[in-house]
Protein backbone atom coordinates (compact mmCIF):
# COMPACT_ATOMS: atom_id res chain seq x y z
CA MET A 1 6.68 5.85 12.97
CA GLY A 2 8.13 7.99 10.20
CA ALA A 3 5.90 10.32 8.17
CA GLY A 4 2.70 8.70 9.39
CA ILE A 5 3.16 5.65 7.19
CA ARG A 6 1.57 2.38 8.35
CA VAL A 7 1.32 -0.72 6.26
CA THR A 8 -1.20 -3.08 7.75
CA GLY A 9 -1.53 -6.73 7.07
CA ILE A 10 1.75 -7.07 8.94
CA THR A 11 0.22 -7.36 12.37
CA ALA A 12 0.72 -8.49 15.90
CA GLY A 13 -2.87 -9.20 16.86
CA ASP A 14 -4.89 -6.28 15.55
CA GLU A 15 -2.09 -3.71 15.89
CA PRO A 16 0.15 -2.83 12.93
CA ILE A 17 3.82 -3.53 13.54
CA ALA A 18 5.92 -0.38 13.35
CA LEU A 19 8.21 -0.43 10.34
CA GLY A 20 10.61 2.12 11.80
CA ASN A 21 11.93 4.98 9.73
CA VAL A 22 10.25 3.91 6.49
CA GLU A 23 10.75 7.13 4.59
CA HIS A 24 14.53 6.73 4.61
CA ALA A 25 14.44 3.09 3.58
CA PHE A 26 11.88 3.21 0.80
CA LEU A 27 11.39 6.77 -0.44
CA SER A 28 13.04 8.09 -3.55
CA ALA A 29 12.64 11.26 -5.54
CA ASP A 30 11.32 10.31 -8.96
CA ALA A 31 10.73 13.46 -10.98
CA GLY A 32 9.95 11.54 -14.18
CA ALA A 33 7.22 9.24 -12.92
CA SER A 34 5.65 11.35 -10.22
CA GLY A 35 6.22 14.98 -11.09
CA GLY A 36 9.03 15.53 -8.59
CA THR A 37 7.26 14.08 -5.56
CA GLU A 38 8.70 11.38 -3.37
CA THR A 39 7.57 7.80 -3.87
CA LEU A 40 7.07 5.14 -1.22
CA THR A 41 8.22 1.89 -2.88
CA LEU A 42 7.01 -1.44 -1.52
CA THR A 43 7.64 -4.94 -2.89
CA LEU A 44 4.39 -6.90 -2.83
CA ASP A 45 6.22 -10.14 -1.94
CA ASP A 46 7.63 -8.49 1.20
CA LEU A 47 4.19 -7.54 2.54
CA ILE A 48 2.12 -9.99 4.55
CA PRO A 49 -1.60 -9.89 3.79
CA ASP A 50 -4.26 -10.46 6.43
CA ALA A 51 -6.56 -13.51 6.60
CA HIS A 52 -8.57 -12.22 3.60
CA ASN A 53 -5.45 -11.64 1.47
CA GLU A 54 -5.69 -7.85 1.95
CA ILE A 55 -3.03 -5.24 2.67
CA VAL A 56 -3.87 -1.69 3.75
CA ILE A 57 -1.45 1.18 3.27
CA LEU A 58 -2.15 4.14 5.55
CA ASP A 59 -0.02 7.11 4.56
CA ALA A 60 -0.62 10.65 5.75
CA SER A 61 2.47 12.01 3.96
CA GLY A 62 0.88 12.35 0.52
CA HIS A 63 3.66 10.42 -1.23
CA ASP A 64 2.99 8.42 -4.36
CA ILE A 65 3.04 4.68 -3.66
CA ALA A 66 4.87 2.23 -5.91
CA VAL A 67 4.21 -1.50 -5.67
CA VAL A 68 6.77 -3.79 -7.25
CA THR A 69 5.28 -7.10 -8.41
CA PRO A 70 5.36 -9.38 -11.46
CA ASP A 71 1.59 -9.92 -11.02
CA ALA A 72 -0.82 -8.20 -13.40
CA ILE A 73 -3.69 -6.08 -12.14
CA ALA A 74 -6.94 -8.08 -12.04
CA ALA A 75 -9.23 -5.32 -10.69
CA GLN A 76 -9.06 -1.80 -9.37
CA GLY A 77 -11.40 0.88 -8.11
CA VAL A 78 -12.68 2.53 -4.96
CA ALA A 79 -14.06 0.37 -2.15
CA ASP A 80 -17.68 0.64 -1.11
CA ALA A 81 -18.45 -0.29 2.50
CA HIS A 82 -15.70 -2.72 3.51
CA VAL A 83 -13.92 -3.71 6.73
CA THR A 84 -10.75 -5.81 6.62
CA ALA A 85 -10.09 -8.96 8.65
CA THR A 86 -8.12 -6.81 11.11
CA GLY A 87 -11.08 -4.45 11.57
CA LEU A 88 -9.93 -1.49 9.49
CA ASP A 89 -12.71 0.35 7.68
CA VAL A 90 -11.40 0.94 4.14
CA SER A 91 -14.64 2.35 2.75
CA GLY A 92 -13.69 4.98 0.17
CA PHE A 93 -10.11 3.72 -0.15
CA ALA A 94 -8.77 3.00 -3.60
CA TYR A 95 -7.80 -0.62 -4.19
CA CYS A 96 -5.87 -2.75 -6.62
CA THR A 97 -6.29 -6.53 -6.79
CA PHE A 98 -3.50 -8.51 -8.40
CA ASP A 99 -3.68 -11.81 -10.31
CA GLY A 100 -2.11 -13.58 -7.32
CA GLY A 101 -5.21 -12.68 -5.28
CA VAL A 102 -3.73 -9.99 -3.03
CA THR A 103 -5.69 -6.75 -2.73
CA VAL A 104 -3.90 -3.55 -1.74
CA PHE A 105 -6.02 -0.74 -0.27
CA TYR A 106 -4.55 2.77 -0.16
CA PRO A 107 -5.85 6.32 0.40
CA SER A 108 -7.82 7.45 -2.66
CA THR A 109 -5.94 10.77 -2.51
CA HIS A 110 -2.71 8.95 -3.44
CA ARG A 111 -1.42 7.62 -6.73
CA LEU A 112 -0.48 3.93 -6.93
CA ILE A 113 2.25 3.04 -9.40
CA VAL A 114 2.52 -0.67 -10.24
CA THR A 115 5.80 -1.82 -11.69
CA ASN A 116 7.79 -5.03 -12.09
CA ASP A 117 11.11 -3.16 -11.84
CA ALA A 118 12.88 -3.34 -8.48
């Protein structure tokens, strides 16, 4: 899988489905919003949450992560001890819960940019 990026919640059993060469499909250089770093852009409606309405983004590349959604942010923070329905330990991950009820977990070393612009 490209650049170590895995988006879970899209699963076949407990194994994430490979998204192929994600960095070429979703990355863009955005010097204004992210200081010249590349941004992984995901549309929330295109992601499939697990049984607890959770999505986990695992990204070893260090890219900023942009989530496109019309939903407002209902809560955000860093997860205490928590394991997802698919068995991933997201303790210490940053999270953002949207008004629609979906929670996105992502590495706390990354920056999440929430936008309603596609």
